[in-house]
């Protein structure tokens, strides 16, 4: 068994559910291990709530490195940028909102330059 699969299995077994794994697109080898873990728990009828929360900044289903779709084992949610009504609490004009966009980081850290942020 390849070392990355052994490490994936250990990672998942050493952490009690529920487990949150952020930026999961950088660990495509975890998907096959998650699929096996979920299937084993289903066989034992031990699943009654989500056990893995996977987050990422890319659409993982479109990533060519992801071989497992987790079909029937996962729900996917697309989160959009913040809306003007959500950001209006910061006291910004519509023009400022259009310039910065709905990126939360630009509003939480006003010292960031929007042009550098978008085009870095």
Protein backbone atom coordinates (compact mmCIF):
# COMPACT_ATOMS: atom_id res chain seq x y z
CA UNK A 1 0.00 0.00 0.00
CA UNK A 2 1.45 3.42 -0.93
CA UNK A 3 2.65 5.52 2.00
CA UNK A 4 0.23 8.40 1.26
CA UNK A 5 -2.73 6.01 1.61
CA UNK A 6 -1.39 4.71 4.93
CA UNK A 7 -0.98 8.30 6.15
CA UNK A 8 -4.51 9.13 4.97
CA UNK A 9 -5.96 6.19 6.87
CA UNK A 10 -4.06 7.16 10.01
CA UNK A 11 -5.16 10.78 9.74
CA UNK A 12 -8.82 9.83 9.50
CA UNK A 13 -8.69 7.22 12.26
CA UNK A 14 -6.74 9.36 14.73
CA UNK A 15 -9.33 12.14 14.72
CA UNK A 16 -12.78 11.67 16.19
CA UNK A 17 -15.75 12.55 13.99
CA UNK A 18 -16.80 15.00 12.90
CA UNK A 19 -13.58 15.99 11.14
CA UNK A 20 -13.13 19.22 9.16
CA UNK A 21 -10.50 19.15 6.44
CA UNK A 22 -9.86 22.54 4.85
CA UNK A 23 -8.39 23.05 1.38
CA UNK A 24 -9.00 19.38 0.62
CA UNK A 25 -8.12 19.88 -3.06
CA UNK A 26 -4.46 19.79 -1.96
CA UNK A 27 -4.90 16.24 -0.62
CA UNK A 28 -6.64 14.33 -3.42
CA UNK A 29 -5.47 11.00 -1.97
CA UNK A 30 -7.84 11.52 0.99
CA UNK A 31 -10.93 11.05 -1.18
CA UNK A 32 -10.45 7.31 -1.74
CA UNK A 33 -9.78 6.78 1.98
CA UNK A 34 -12.86 8.80 2.94
CA UNK A 35 -14.92 6.72 0.51
CA UNK A 36 -13.70 3.48 2.15
CA UNK A 37 -14.29 4.80 5.69
CA UNK A 38 -17.84 5.93 4.89
CA UNK A 39 -18.64 2.63 3.17
CA UNK A 40 -17.34 0.63 6.15
CA UNK A 41 -19.43 2.69 8.58
CA UNK A 42 -22.50 2.27 6.37
CA UNK A 43 -22.06 -1.51 6.44
CA UNK A 44 -21.93 -1.39 10.23
CA UNK A 45 -24.93 1.01 10.28
CA UNK A 46 -22.93 3.49 12.33
CA UNK A 47 -23.59 6.61 10.29
CA UNK A 48 -26.31 8.90 11.58
CA UNK A 49 -24.65 12.28 10.98
CA UNK A 50 -21.94 13.78 8.78
CA UNK A 51 -18.51 12.58 9.80
CA UNK A 52 -16.34 14.55 7.39
CA UNK A 53 -16.65 18.20 6.41
CA UNK A 54 -14.47 18.97 3.42
CA UNK A 55 -13.86 22.56 2.41
CA UNK A 56 -11.85 24.07 -0.36
CA UNK A 57 -11.33 27.15 -2.44
CA UNK A 58 -11.75 25.28 -5.73
CA UNK A 59 -14.46 23.18 -7.29
CA UNK A 60 -13.04 19.82 -6.31
CA UNK A 61 -15.30 17.86 -8.64
CA UNK A 62 -13.65 19.58 -11.61
CA UNK A 63 -10.11 18.91 -10.39
CA UNK A 64 -8.36 16.33 -12.59
CA UNK A 65 -6.37 15.08 -9.57
CA UNK A 66 -9.55 14.01 -7.76
CA UNK A 67 -10.40 10.47 -8.90
CA UNK A 68 -13.21 9.80 -6.39
CA UNK A 69 -16.43 11.76 -6.69
CA UNK A 70 -17.82 10.50 -3.34
CA UNK A 71 -21.10 10.02 -5.20
CA UNK A 72 -23.90 9.19 -2.79
CA UNK A 73 -21.60 9.91 0.14
CA UNK A 74 -21.37 13.68 0.02
CA UNK A 75 -23.36 16.87 -0.37
CA UNK A 76 -21.81 19.86 -2.08
CA UNK A 77 -22.51 23.51 -1.43
CA UNK A 78 -21.25 26.42 -3.46
CA UNK A 79 -20.62 29.48 -1.36
CA UNK A 80 -20.67 32.83 -3.07
CA UNK A 81 -18.95 36.06 -2.17
CA UNK A 82 -20.62 38.37 0.30
CA UNK A 83 -23.50 40.48 -0.96
CA UNK A 84 -23.72 44.26 -0.69
CA UNK A 85 -26.33 43.96 2.07
CA UNK A 86 -23.95 41.76 4.07
CA UNK A 87 -21.05 44.17 3.63
CA UNK A 88 -23.04 47.40 4.05
CA UNK A 89 -22.41 47.15 7.81
CA UNK A 90 -18.85 48.25 7.05
CA UNK A 91 -20.16 51.67 5.91
CA UNK A 92 -18.81 51.41 2.37
CA UNK A 93 -20.29 53.02 -0.69
CA UNK A 94 -21.62 51.02 -3.61
CA UNK A 95 -18.58 52.15 -5.62
CA UNK A 96 -16.20 50.77 -2.99
CA UNK A 97 -18.12 47.50 -2.95
CA UNK A 98 -17.93 47.22 -6.73
CA UNK A 99 -14.19 47.94 -6.65
CA UNK A 100 -13.41 45.44 -3.89
CA UNK A 101 -16.01 42.82 -4.77
CA UNK A 102 -17.54 40.56 -2.16
CA UNK A 103 -14.31 39.09 -0.83
CA UNK A 104 -14.56 39.00 2.99
CA UNK A 105 -10.80 39.32 3.47
CA UNK A 106 -10.74 42.75 1.81
CA UNK A 107 -13.30 44.07 4.29
CA UNK A 108 -11.90 42.43 7.39
CA UNK A 109 -8.37 43.64 6.54
CA UNK A 110 -8.82 47.13 5.02
CA UNK A 111 -5.03 47.56 4.73
CA UNK A 112 -5.03 45.04 1.84
CA UNK A 113 -4.89 46.56 -1.62
CA UNK A 114 -7.81 45.27 -3.71
CA UNK A 115 -5.84 45.32 -6.97
CA UNK A 116 -2.97 43.35 -5.46
CA UNK A 117 -5.44 40.93 -3.86
CA UNK A 118 -7.29 40.20 -7.10
CA UNK A 119 -4.27 39.98 -9.37
CA UNK A 120 -1.54 38.48 -7.21
